[in-house]
Structures are given as C-alpha cells and as structure tokens.
Amino acid sequence: MVGSISFKLPSEITVNEMMDNKVQNIFNNYLYKESLFKNREVLSTNFLPNTIVHRDTEIEIISSILAPILKGYKPSNVFIYGGIGCGKTVTIKYILEQLSKISNNTYKTIYINCKMKKVSDTEYRILSQILKEFDVLVPETGIATNVLYKKFFEEASKQNIILVFDEIDCLVNKIGDEFLYNISRSDSNISVVGITNNIYFAEKIDPRVRSSLAEEEIIFKPYNAEQLKDIISLRISDAFYENTIDDSVLNKCAALAAQEHGDARRALDLIRVAAEISERSGQTTITEIQLDVAKERINTDKLTEIVRSQPRHSQIVLESMMSLRKTSKGQWIDSRILTSDIYKSYNKLCENNGLNPLTQRRVCDLVNEYETLGIINTKISSRGRYGKLREVVFAVNEEMIAKIEGILLKINSY
C-alpha cells in the first residue's frame, strides 16, 4: 500500500510567509517606535493617584467616621452613593491607604468588588472570598454555610475589621440582604463600607437590615466640566510626553464626560482610547478627530459590556422590552411600551427558560436601572379617570439595538 504524501504549494508558503512578515513588522514597529504614552497605567481605572481633587469634603467626612478604629473602637457603617466615575472607589482606597500609614496594624481592611464573577454570586463564595483574606482556604463546595460564618466571626473577633463592598447592590441582587443582616447582628467588630451607583439601594433592602446596619450615608455628586478638566490634567501630565495633547482636546473631553453625568472614568477612557488610535495611525499628537472616533468606539463597547455583565433576570427584562418592539414579521416598530406588558412578556420568557420570575416591583426596579444606564427613557402618561400609565421607549439607535439583540441571542445559545 502506497502512503500519500502531503505538501504545500509554493503559493501557500508565500502567503503564510507574507502574513508572518506583516505580523512581525507590526510588533517590531510598535516595539521600536516612540510612544505617545509615558505611563499608560496612569489612565487606568485601577490607578490610585497621589492627589485626589474636588473630593475634600467627602474625604474629611469618611476619614472622621473611620478614625475611631485607630483607638480600637468599631467605626460606624458607611454607605456611599453616587453615579459611575464620581470618585467613590478611588476616594475610599485613598483614605484606607492613608489610614494604614498611621495605624499600628490593630485592624484589618478587606476590599471586595461584588461585580466580579464568582466572587459574590452565592453566600458560600462571598464568605470564601473573605476568609481568603485571613489565609483560610475554603474548597469550592462541601462545607455548610453556617460553618463558614462561624469561622469568619472567629477571625473577626481577634481584631477590628473594615469590610468594603464595592458595587454592594450587585451582592444584594444576587444573594439577597440576609448576608448583611447576619454580619450586622454579629458580636464581631465588623464595620461595613458599602459603595453603590444605585441611590435607591437602601430603600430596597429589608427595614430590619437597614436598622441593624444603622449606616451613615454620603452622596458623591457628579463632577462638572471644570472639575473633570482638573482631574484629566493631573493624569495626562504623568501619562503622556510633553506637547502630546492640547487644551482644545482637553476641554472637549471634559465637556463630553460632563454630559455623561460627570463621569471621570469616562473622561480618562476617552483620552486613553484617542491616544491609542493616534499612536496606531502614526500620529505624534492627539486631535479632536481621534477623540470623536474614541467616543463612538467607547459607546459601542460600553453598551455591549453593560448587557453582558447584567444578571440573568435583568437580561430577560431587556429581552422582554426588545420583543415588544417587534411585529409578528420581526420588523422594528417605533412605539412606546407599557411596563405592564413588559412584565407579562418577562413572565413568559422566564417560563421558557425554566426560571422563577421576580415580583413585578423588582422587575420595575430593573427597568429603572436600564433608564439610569441610558438605554431607555420612561414617561408617565395620564389616562384620565383610568389612571396613569408608565411608557418605555428606547434611547439608543437601531444599530445599537441590533447589537444588543445579537448579544442576547448569543447568551441564550449557551
């Protein structure tokens, strides 16, 4: 039996070699050409600046609340509210860093981002995450939750603890508020710092939990354009080489971010993406043209990330709203949607997916969250003696709606 011999045609080898050369040239060009960036990390959302501007009052109040821990006392619980990118997380991290410089290590700080996957989606996982901070390793399954609570409270009884829950609303949405109740009712010296974008968060938790937490509340207001310009200016002096960006780009970036509810994170992302676009095209400066391209790109990326990261029930609510905008032939219609119809559609989709539906009030809360994110707008209309109706209309264009539909289809196919 004669074996077959496989070989590549010369043309195939040439194509492969050409592609190899192209890719290597891209890497070599990047490696050896001058970069616009002096320090890219400065524009990262995880970067902690040495100076925080326009948050002096909030820093002083929170520092005063947490100061008793330096004398061994348990500080009050603190709940911090404010929109995306208004400096909540960076302020808390700054305060805790300053606190650590003065303390004699008689307390422990634990920071948990509740939006991270496999961190706070069950009581078991959140307790496991906390216990890791005490060097207590917990297997993925197999231990009763009350045993984990007992171990945590044992560790907490040895010292004061500041337990920071960033995006605490995500934690409660996933596992309920019983976890917070158990912590607040324990005899351990645990102080909770909750950070949330949802200003209505406290109203949604059980009154007994709210009473047990007895929290102090601080609201971070959005930055205005001038404040955003100051924040960006401080960062770009460390992020870029001199003469890379001029005031017109800086002013426009601050103005755009101010329109987005004073989002400093948005401003920094705009500058970073604009710089990356300029660098890839071989430019030595960042212009308003690149800033406009960056804005369009971020809008698309931000929306798709929002949809992907939502809890399953929240995604089903969005899918319900989208389905009500379609005719029987699958065509889009420009009509307003009633919240009562959304709940009916949501119930059907839950049944199709084998899920227990949430209450109508909770679904209304999820609709509100999409309005906060800028995906929809709602309007109350009067029907005379028949009462009032709440109508929903999409605030994004058809192209973005089609992208959302594609993301939801992908999620449903898994």
Protein backbone atom coordinates (compact mmCIF):
# COMPACT_ATOMS: atom_id res chain seq x y z
CA MET A 1 0.00 0.00 0.00
CA VAL A 2 1.47 3.31 -1.06
CA GLY A 3 1.12 6.10 1.54
CA SER A 4 0.02 9.54 0.44
CA ILE A 5 2.44 12.43 0.71
CA SER A 6 1.11 15.85 1.72
CA PHE A 7 2.90 19.00 0.67
CA LYS A 8 2.19 22.72 0.45
CA LEU A 9 2.03 24.59 -2.80
CA PRO A 10 4.62 27.35 -3.23
CA SER A 11 1.82 29.92 -3.32
CA GLU A 12 0.57 28.75 0.10
CA ILE A 13 4.06 29.03 1.60
CA THR A 14 4.38 32.53 0.16
CA VAL A 15 1.04 33.62 1.64
CA ASN A 16 1.97 32.25 5.08
CA GLU A 17 5.39 33.88 4.99
CA MET A 18 3.87 37.18 3.92
CA MET A 19 1.44 37.09 6.84
CA ASP A 20 4.25 36.20 9.25
CA ASN A 21 6.25 39.17 8.00
CA LYS A 22 3.29 41.52 8.32
CA VAL A 23 2.58 40.49 11.90
CA GLN A 24 6.26 40.67 12.88
CA ASN A 25 6.52 44.12 11.29
CA ILE A 26 3.57 45.33 13.36
CA PHE A 27 5.22 44.09 16.56
CA ASN A 28 8.64 45.46 15.61
CA ASN A 29 7.23 48.84 14.68
CA TYR A 30 5.42 49.04 18.00
CA LEU A 31 8.48 47.88 19.93
CA TYR A 32 10.92 50.40 18.46
CA LYS A 33 8.86 53.46 17.58
CA GLU A 34 8.38 56.30 20.04
CA SER A 35 5.17 56.02 22.05
CA LEU A 36 2.77 58.82 22.94
CA PHE A 37 2.47 57.27 26.38
CA LYS A 38 4.94 57.96 29.14
CA ASN A 39 2.95 55.83 31.62
CA ARG A 40 -0.21 54.16 30.30
CA GLU A 41 -1.23 52.85 33.74
CA VAL A 42 -1.96 56.39 34.95
CA LEU A 43 -5.13 56.38 32.82
CA SER A 44 -6.29 53.01 34.17
CA THR A 45 -9.40 52.91 36.36
CA ASN A 46 -7.41 50.85 38.89
CA PHE A 47 -4.72 53.53 39.25
CA LEU A 48 -4.63 55.29 42.64
CA PRO A 49 -3.38 58.87 42.21
CA ASN A 50 -1.31 60.59 44.87
CA THR A 51 -3.67 63.56 44.79
CA ILE A 52 -7.47 63.45 44.69
CA VAL A 53 -9.09 66.74 43.72
CA HIS A 54 -12.62 68.05 44.30
CA ARG A 55 -13.44 65.47 46.96
CA ASP A 56 -12.03 67.25 50.03
CA THR A 57 -15.32 67.36 51.94
CA GLU A 58 -16.13 63.69 51.31
CA ILE A 59 -12.60 62.62 52.28
CA GLU A 60 -12.79 64.56 55.56
CA ILE A 61 -16.21 63.14 56.50
CA ILE A 62 -15.32 59.50 55.73
CA SER A 63 -11.94 59.81 57.46
CA SER A 64 -13.67 61.16 60.59
CA ILE A 65 -16.13 58.24 60.57
CA LEU A 66 -13.36 55.61 60.27
CA ALA A 67 -10.86 57.31 62.63
CA PRO A 68 -12.12 55.58 65.86
CA ILE A 69 -10.63 52.31 64.61
CA LEU A 70 -7.19 53.76 65.41
CA LYS A 71 -8.09 53.62 69.13
CA GLY A 72 -9.58 50.16 68.89
CA TYR A 73 -13.22 51.20 68.54
CA LYS A 74 -15.64 49.97 65.92
CA PRO A 75 -16.45 52.75 63.40
CA SER A 76 -19.97 53.33 62.13
CA ASN A 77 -21.05 51.60 58.95
CA VAL A 78 -20.87 53.87 55.90
CA PHE A 79 -22.88 53.73 52.69
CA ILE A 80 -21.54 55.78 49.78
CA TYR A 81 -23.81 56.68 46.88
CA GLY A 82 -23.07 58.30 43.55
CA GLY A 83 -23.03 57.79 39.79
CA ILE A 84 -20.39 55.97 37.78
CA GLY A 85 -17.00 57.66 37.72
CA CYS A 86 -17.64 60.20 40.50
CA GLY A 87 -14.66 59.09 42.59
CA LYS A 88 -16.27 56.80 45.19
CA THR A 89 -13.88 53.85 44.92
CA VAL A 90 -10.71 55.88 44.44
CA THR A 91 -11.61 58.04 47.45
CA ILE A 92 -12.16 55.03 49.73
CA LYS A 93 -8.93 53.41 48.58
CA TYR A 94 -7.05 56.65 49.19
CA ILE A 95 -8.48 57.01 52.71
CA LEU A 96 -7.67 53.39 53.61
CA GLU A 97 -4.12 53.84 52.31
CA GLN A 98 -3.68 56.95 54.46
CA LEU A 99 -5.19 55.13 57.44
CA SER A 100 -2.69 52.29 57.07
CA LYS A 101 0.22 54.75 57.27
CA ILE A 102 -0.85 55.83 60.77
CA SER A 103 -2.26 52.60 62.23
CA ASN A 104 -0.36 50.08 64.34
CA ASN A 105 -1.94 47.14 62.49
CA THR A 106 -4.63 46.56 65.11
CA TYR A 107 -7.30 46.25 62.42
CA LYS A 108 -7.78 44.60 59.02
CA THR A 109 -9.21 46.01 55.81
CA ILE A 110 -10.91 43.74 53.26
CA TYR A 111 -11.95 45.16 49.88
CA ILE A 112 -14.29 43.14 47.65
CA ASN A 113 -15.60 44.11 44.22
CA CYS A 114 -19.03 42.48 44.20
CA LYS A 115 -19.35 42.78 40.43
CA MET A 116 -16.50 40.35 39.79
CA LYS A 117 -17.58 36.92 38.56
CA LYS A 118 -17.56 34.02 41.04
CA VAL A 119 -16.98 36.37 43.97
CA SER A 120 -20.38 37.33 45.34
CA ASP A 121 -22.94 35.30 43.41
CA THR A 122 -23.60 32.98 46.39
CA GLU A 123 -23.30 33.30 50.16
CA TYR A 124 -20.74 30.49 50.09
CA ARG A 125 -18.49 32.30 47.60
CA ILE A 126 -18.56 35.67 49.33
CA LEU A 127 -17.65 34.04 52.66
CA SER A 128 -14.88 32.07 50.94
CA GLN A 129 -13.53 35.28 49.44
CA ILE A 130 -13.49 36.98 52.83
CA LEU A 131 -11.85 34.01 54.57
CA LYS A 132 -9.06 34.02 51.97
CA GLU A 133 -8.03 37.38 53.42
CA PHE A 134 -7.37 35.56 56.71
CA ASP A 135 -5.37 32.86 54.87
CA VAL A 136 -8.21 30.39 55.40
CA LEU A 137 -8.63 28.37 52.21
CA VAL A 138 -12.14 27.07 51.54
CA PRO A 139 -12.92 24.37 48.94
CA GLU A 140 -15.36 25.32 46.16
CA THR A 141 -18.09 23.16 47.74
CA GLY A 142 -18.63 20.81 50.62
CA ILE A 143 -18.81 22.97 53.75
CA ALA A 144 -22.03 24.19 55.37
CA THR A 145 -22.55 27.95 55.15
CA ASN A 146 -23.09 28.26 58.92
CA VAL A 147 -19.63 26.72 59.44
CA LEU A 148 -18.11 29.42 57.22
CA TYR A 149 -19.95 32.11 59.15
CA LYS A 150 -18.65 30.70 62.43
CA LYS A 151 -15.06 30.66 61.14
CA PHE A 152 -15.37 34.21 59.82
CA PHE A 153 -16.74 35.52 63.13
CA GLU A 154 -13.95 33.71 64.99
CA GLU A 155 -11.36 35.53 62.86
CA ALA A 156 -13.24 38.81 63.18
CA SER A 157 -13.30 38.56 66.98
CA LYS A 158 -9.49 38.85 67.07
CA GLN A 159 -9.38 42.38 65.62
CA ASN A 160 -11.47 45.21 64.18
CA ILE A 161 -12.36 44.83 60.52
CA ILE A 162 -13.34 47.32 57.83
CA LEU A 163 -15.22 45.33 55.21
CA VAL A 164 -15.58 47.28 51.94
CA PHE A 165 -18.20 46.05 49.46
CA ASP A 166 -17.82 47.88 46.15
CA GLU A 167 -20.97 47.59 43.98
CA ILE A 168 -22.83 46.30 47.05
CA ASP A 169 -26.13 46.42 45.14
CA CYS A 170 -24.81 43.58 42.92
CA LEU A 171 -24.21 41.49 46.05
CA VAL A 172 -27.76 42.02 47.32
CA ASN A 173 -29.28 41.44 43.87
CA LYS A 174 -27.54 38.06 43.69
CA ILE A 175 -27.86 36.64 47.20
CA GLY A 176 -30.35 38.89 49.00
CA ASP A 177 -29.77 41.00 52.10
CA GLU A 178 -29.63 38.22 54.71
CA PHE A 179 -25.82 38.18 54.46
CA LEU A 180 -25.66 41.85 55.51
CA TYR A 181 -28.15 41.16 58.30
CA ASN A 182 -26.02 38.30 59.67
CA ILE A 183 -22.89 40.48 59.66
CA SER A 184 -24.61 43.46 61.25
CA ARG A 185 -26.15 41.30 64.02
CA SER A 186 -22.91 39.53 64.94
CA ASP A 187 -20.94 40.45 68.07
CA SER A 188 -17.77 40.89 65.99
CA ASN A 189 -16.16 44.26 65.42
CA ILE A 190 -17.02 44.48 61.71
CA SER A 191 -17.63 47.84 60.07
CA VAL A 192 -19.24 47.77 56.63
CA VAL A 193 -18.42 50.30 53.92
CA GLY A 194 -20.88 49.90 51.06
CA ILE A 195 -20.32 51.58 47.69
CA THR A 196 -23.09 51.74 45.11
CA ASN A 197 -24.20 53.62 41.99
CA ASN A 198 -27.83 52.99 42.94
CA ILE A 199 -29.10 55.87 45.09
CA TYR A 200 -32.25 53.85 45.89
CA PHE A 201 -30.30 50.87 47.20
CA ALA A 202 -31.13 51.37 50.90
CA GLU A 203 -34.84 51.57 50.11
CA LYS A 204 -34.77 48.10 48.54
CA ILE A 205 -33.30 46.20 51.48
CA ASP A 206 -35.33 44.85 54.39
CA PRO A 207 -36.07 47.55 57.02
CA ARG A 208 -34.64 45.22 59.71
CA VAL A 209 -31.35 45.01 57.81
CA ARG A 210 -31.25 48.77 57.35
CA SER A 211 -31.94 49.24 61.06
CA SER A 212 -29.18 46.78 62.03
CA LEU A 213 -26.65 48.47 59.77
CA ALA A 214 -27.56 51.92 61.17
CA GLU A 215 -25.35 53.35 58.46
CA GLU A 216 -24.13 56.85 57.77
CA GLU A 217 -24.84 57.91 54.21
CA ILE A 218 -22.65 60.04 51.95
CA ILE A 219 -23.61 61.12 48.44
CA PHE A 220 -20.96 61.92 45.82
CA LYS A 221 -22.24 64.49 43.36
CA PRO A 222 -21.22 64.30 39.67
CA TYR A 223 -18.17 66.29 38.56
CA ASN A 224 -18.76 69.34 36.38
CA ALA A 225 -16.72 70.11 33.25
CA GLU A 226 -14.18 72.30 35.08
CA GLN A 227 -13.59 69.69 37.76
CA LEU A 228 -13.20 66.98 35.12
CA LYS A 229 -10.64 69.14 33.31
CA ASP A 230 -8.60 69.40 36.54
CA ILE A 231 -8.75 65.62 37.04
CA ILE A 232 -7.69 64.90 33.44
CA SER A 233 -4.91 67.50 33.55
CA LEU A 234 -3.33 65.88 36.61
CA ARG A 235 -3.36 62.47 34.96
CA ILE A 236 -2.15 63.40 31.47
CA SER A 237 0.92 65.22 32.77
CA ASP A 238 2.11 61.81 34.02
CA ALA A 239 0.55 59.72 31.24
CA PHE A 240 1.94 61.48 28.12
CA TYR A 241 5.07 63.19 26.93
CA GLU A 242 5.05 66.96 26.59
CA ASN A 243 3.10 68.57 23.71
CA THR A 244 1.13 65.37 23.01
CA ILE A 245 -2.27 66.90 23.73
CA ASP A 246 -3.52 70.49 23.67
CA ASP A 247 -6.20 72.39 25.58
CA SER A 248 -8.89 72.10 22.88
CA VAL A 249 -8.87 68.30 23.15
CA LEU A 250 -8.79 68.52 26.94
CA ASN A 251 -11.76 70.91 27.01
CA LYS A 252 -13.80 68.80 24.62
CA CYS A 253 -13.06 65.62 26.54
CA ALA A 254 -14.15 67.24 29.83
CA ALA A 255 -17.33 68.59 28.20
CA LEU A 256 -18.25 65.18 26.75
CA ALA A 257 -17.70 63.44 30.10
CA ALA A 258 -19.70 66.12 31.93
CA GLN A 259 -22.64 65.30 29.65
CA GLU A 260 -22.27 61.68 30.78
CA HIS A 261 -23.30 62.58 34.36
CA GLY A 262 -19.84 63.88 35.35
CA ASP A 263 -18.09 60.56 34.78
CA ALA A 264 -14.31 60.94 35.37
CA ARG A 265 -13.74 57.34 34.34
CA ARG A 266 -15.39 58.12 31.03
CA ALA A 267 -13.09 61.13 30.53
CA LEU A 268 -9.95 59.09 31.18
CA ASP A 269 -11.15 56.32 28.87
CA LEU A 270 -11.79 58.85 26.09
CA ILE A 271 -8.26 60.23 26.35
CA ARG A 272 -6.67 56.78 26.53
CA VAL A 273 -8.56 55.38 23.52
CA ALA A 274 -7.95 58.56 21.50
CA ALA A 275 -4.22 58.25 22.23
CA GLU A 276 -4.21 54.59 21.16
CA ILE A 277 -5.95 55.50 17.89
CA SER A 278 -3.43 58.29 17.25
CA GLU A 279 -0.50 56.03 18.02
CA ARG A 280 -1.69 53.26 15.70
CA SER A 281 -2.09 55.70 12.83
CA GLY A 282 1.43 57.05 13.34
CA GLN A 283 0.34 60.45 14.71
CA THR A 284 2.51 62.29 17.23
CA THR A 285 -0.37 64.25 18.81
CA ILE A 286 -3.93 63.60 19.93
CA THR A 287 -6.51 65.62 18.00
CA GLU A 288 -10.26 66.17 18.26
CA ILE A 289 -10.72 63.81 15.32
CA GLN A 290 -9.28 60.91 17.30
CA LEU A 291 -11.39 61.95 20.29
CA ASP A 292 -14.57 61.70 18.19
CA VAL A 293 -13.58 58.23 16.96
CA ALA A 294 -12.81 57.20 20.54
CA LYS A 295 -16.24 58.42 21.67
CA GLU A 296 -18.01 56.28 19.06
CA ARG A 297 -15.93 53.22 19.90
CA ILE A 298 -16.42 53.54 23.66
CA ASN A 299 -20.18 54.00 23.27
CA THR A 300 -20.38 50.67 21.45
CA ASP A 301 -18.04 48.83 23.82
CA LYS A 302 -19.70 50.26 26.92
CA LEU A 303 -23.19 49.23 25.88
CA THR A 304 -22.22 45.68 24.94
CA GLU A 305 -20.30 45.26 28.21
CA ILE A 306 -23.29 46.52 30.21
CA VAL A 307 -25.60 43.97 28.60
CA ARG A 308 -23.14 41.09 29.03
CA SER A 309 -22.50 41.84 32.70
CA GLN A 310 -26.15 42.10 33.78
CA PRO A 311 -27.67 39.34 35.96
CA ARG A 312 -29.79 36.84 34.03
CA HIS A 313 -33.15 38.25 35.14
CA SER A 314 -32.05 41.74 34.15
CA GLN A 315 -31.11 40.44 30.69
CA ILE A 316 -34.54 38.81 30.38
CA VAL A 317 -36.22 42.13 31.25
CA LEU A 318 -34.22 43.80 28.47
CA GLU A 319 -35.13 40.99 26.08
CA SER A 320 -38.80 41.48 27.01
CA MET A 321 -38.66 45.17 26.17
CA MET A 322 -36.99 44.42 22.84
CA SER A 323 -39.50 41.73 21.89
CA LEU A 324 -42.37 44.18 22.41
CA ARG A 325 -40.87 46.48 19.77
CA LYS A 326 -41.15 43.82 17.06
CA THR A 327 -44.03 43.00 14.77
CA SER A 328 -45.05 39.43 14.00
CA LYS A 329 -42.77 39.64 10.95
CA GLY A 330 -39.76 40.57 13.09
CA GLN A 331 -39.66 44.20 11.97
CA TRP A 332 -38.90 47.03 14.38
CA ILE A 333 -41.69 49.45 15.19
CA ASP A 334 -41.25 52.87 16.80
CA SER A 335 -43.79 52.57 19.58
CA ARG A 336 -43.92 53.08 23.32
CA ILE A 337 -44.01 50.05 25.58
CA LEU A 338 -46.16 49.75 28.70
CA THR A 339 -44.48 48.42 31.85
CA SER A 340 -47.46 46.11 32.44
CA ASP A 341 -46.78 44.48 29.06
CA ILE A 342 -43.09 44.16 29.91
CA TYR A 343 -43.95 42.11 33.00
CA LYS A 344 -46.23 39.80 31.01
CA SER A 345 -43.52 39.23 28.39
CA TYR A 346 -40.92 38.76 31.13
CA ASN A 347 -43.02 36.04 32.78
CA LYS A 348 -43.32 34.14 29.50
CA LEU A 349 -39.56 34.29 28.90
CA CYS A 350 -38.88 33.08 32.46
CA GLU A 351 -41.19 30.14 31.84
CA ASN A 352 -39.39 29.35 28.57
CA ASN A 353 -36.02 29.48 30.35
CA GLY A 354 -37.13 27.44 33.36
CA LEU A 355 -36.68 30.35 35.80
CA ASN A 356 -38.84 31.51 38.68
CA PRO A 357 -39.96 35.07 37.88
CA LEU A 358 -39.22 38.02 40.16
CA THR A 359 -42.00 40.18 41.56
CA GLN A 360 -43.48 42.95 39.42
CA ARG A 361 -41.95 45.56 41.74
CA ARG A 362 -38.48 44.07 41.31
CA VAL A 363 -38.90 43.99 37.53
CA CYS A 364 -39.85 47.70 37.66
CA ASP A 365 -36.60 48.30 39.58
CA LEU A 366 -34.64 46.55 36.80
CA VAL A 367 -36.41 48.72 34.21
CA ASN A 368 -35.36 51.78 36.24
CA GLU A 369 -31.74 50.61 36.17
CA TYR A 370 -31.79 50.49 32.36
CA GLU A 371 -33.06 54.08 32.36
CA THR A 372 -30.17 55.05 34.66
CA LEU A 373 -27.77 53.40 32.20
CA GLY A 374 -29.23 55.48 29.36
CA ILE A 375 -30.57 52.54 27.33
CA ILE A 376 -34.25 53.52 27.71
CA ASN A 377 -36.37 56.51 28.68
CA THR A 378 -39.62 56.30 30.62
CA LYS A 379 -42.59 58.64 30.71
CA ILE A 380 -45.70 58.75 32.89
CA SER A 381 -48.82 59.48 30.83
CA SER A 382 -52.25 60.28 32.23
CA ARG A 383 -55.28 58.32 31.04
CA GLY A 384 -57.83 60.48 32.85
CA ARG A 385 -60.14 58.51 35.10
CA TYR A 386 -58.34 55.32 34.06
CA GLY A 387 -55.28 56.42 35.99
CA LYS A 388 -51.69 56.75 34.86
CA LEU A 389 -49.53 54.53 32.68
CA ARG A 390 -45.76 54.29 32.52
CA GLU A 391 -44.36 54.06 28.99
CA VAL A 392 -40.90 52.96 27.91
CA VAL A 393 -39.04 53.95 24.75
CA PHE A 394 -35.50 53.00 23.73
CA ALA A 395 -32.95 55.84 23.98
CA VAL A 396 -30.36 54.20 21.69
CA ASN A 397 -30.44 53.99 17.89
CA GLU A 398 -31.50 50.98 15.80
CA GLU A 399 -27.90 49.97 15.14
CA MET A 400 -27.19 49.70 18.87
CA ILE A 401 -30.47 47.86 19.46
CA ALA A 402 -29.45 45.30 16.82
CA LYS A 403 -26.13 44.81 18.61
CA ILE A 404 -27.92 44.28 21.93
CA GLU A 405 -30.19 41.72 20.28
CA GLY A 406 -27.12 39.88 18.94
CA ILE A 407 -25.55 39.76 22.40
CA LEU A 408 -28.75 38.42 23.98
CA LEU A 409 -29.07 35.77 21.26
CA LYS A 410 -25.51 34.63 21.99
CA ILE A 411 -26.18 34.45 25.72
CA ASN A 412 -29.35 32.42 25.13
CA SER A 413 -27.49 29.98 22.88
CA TYR A 414 -25.13 28.91 25.69
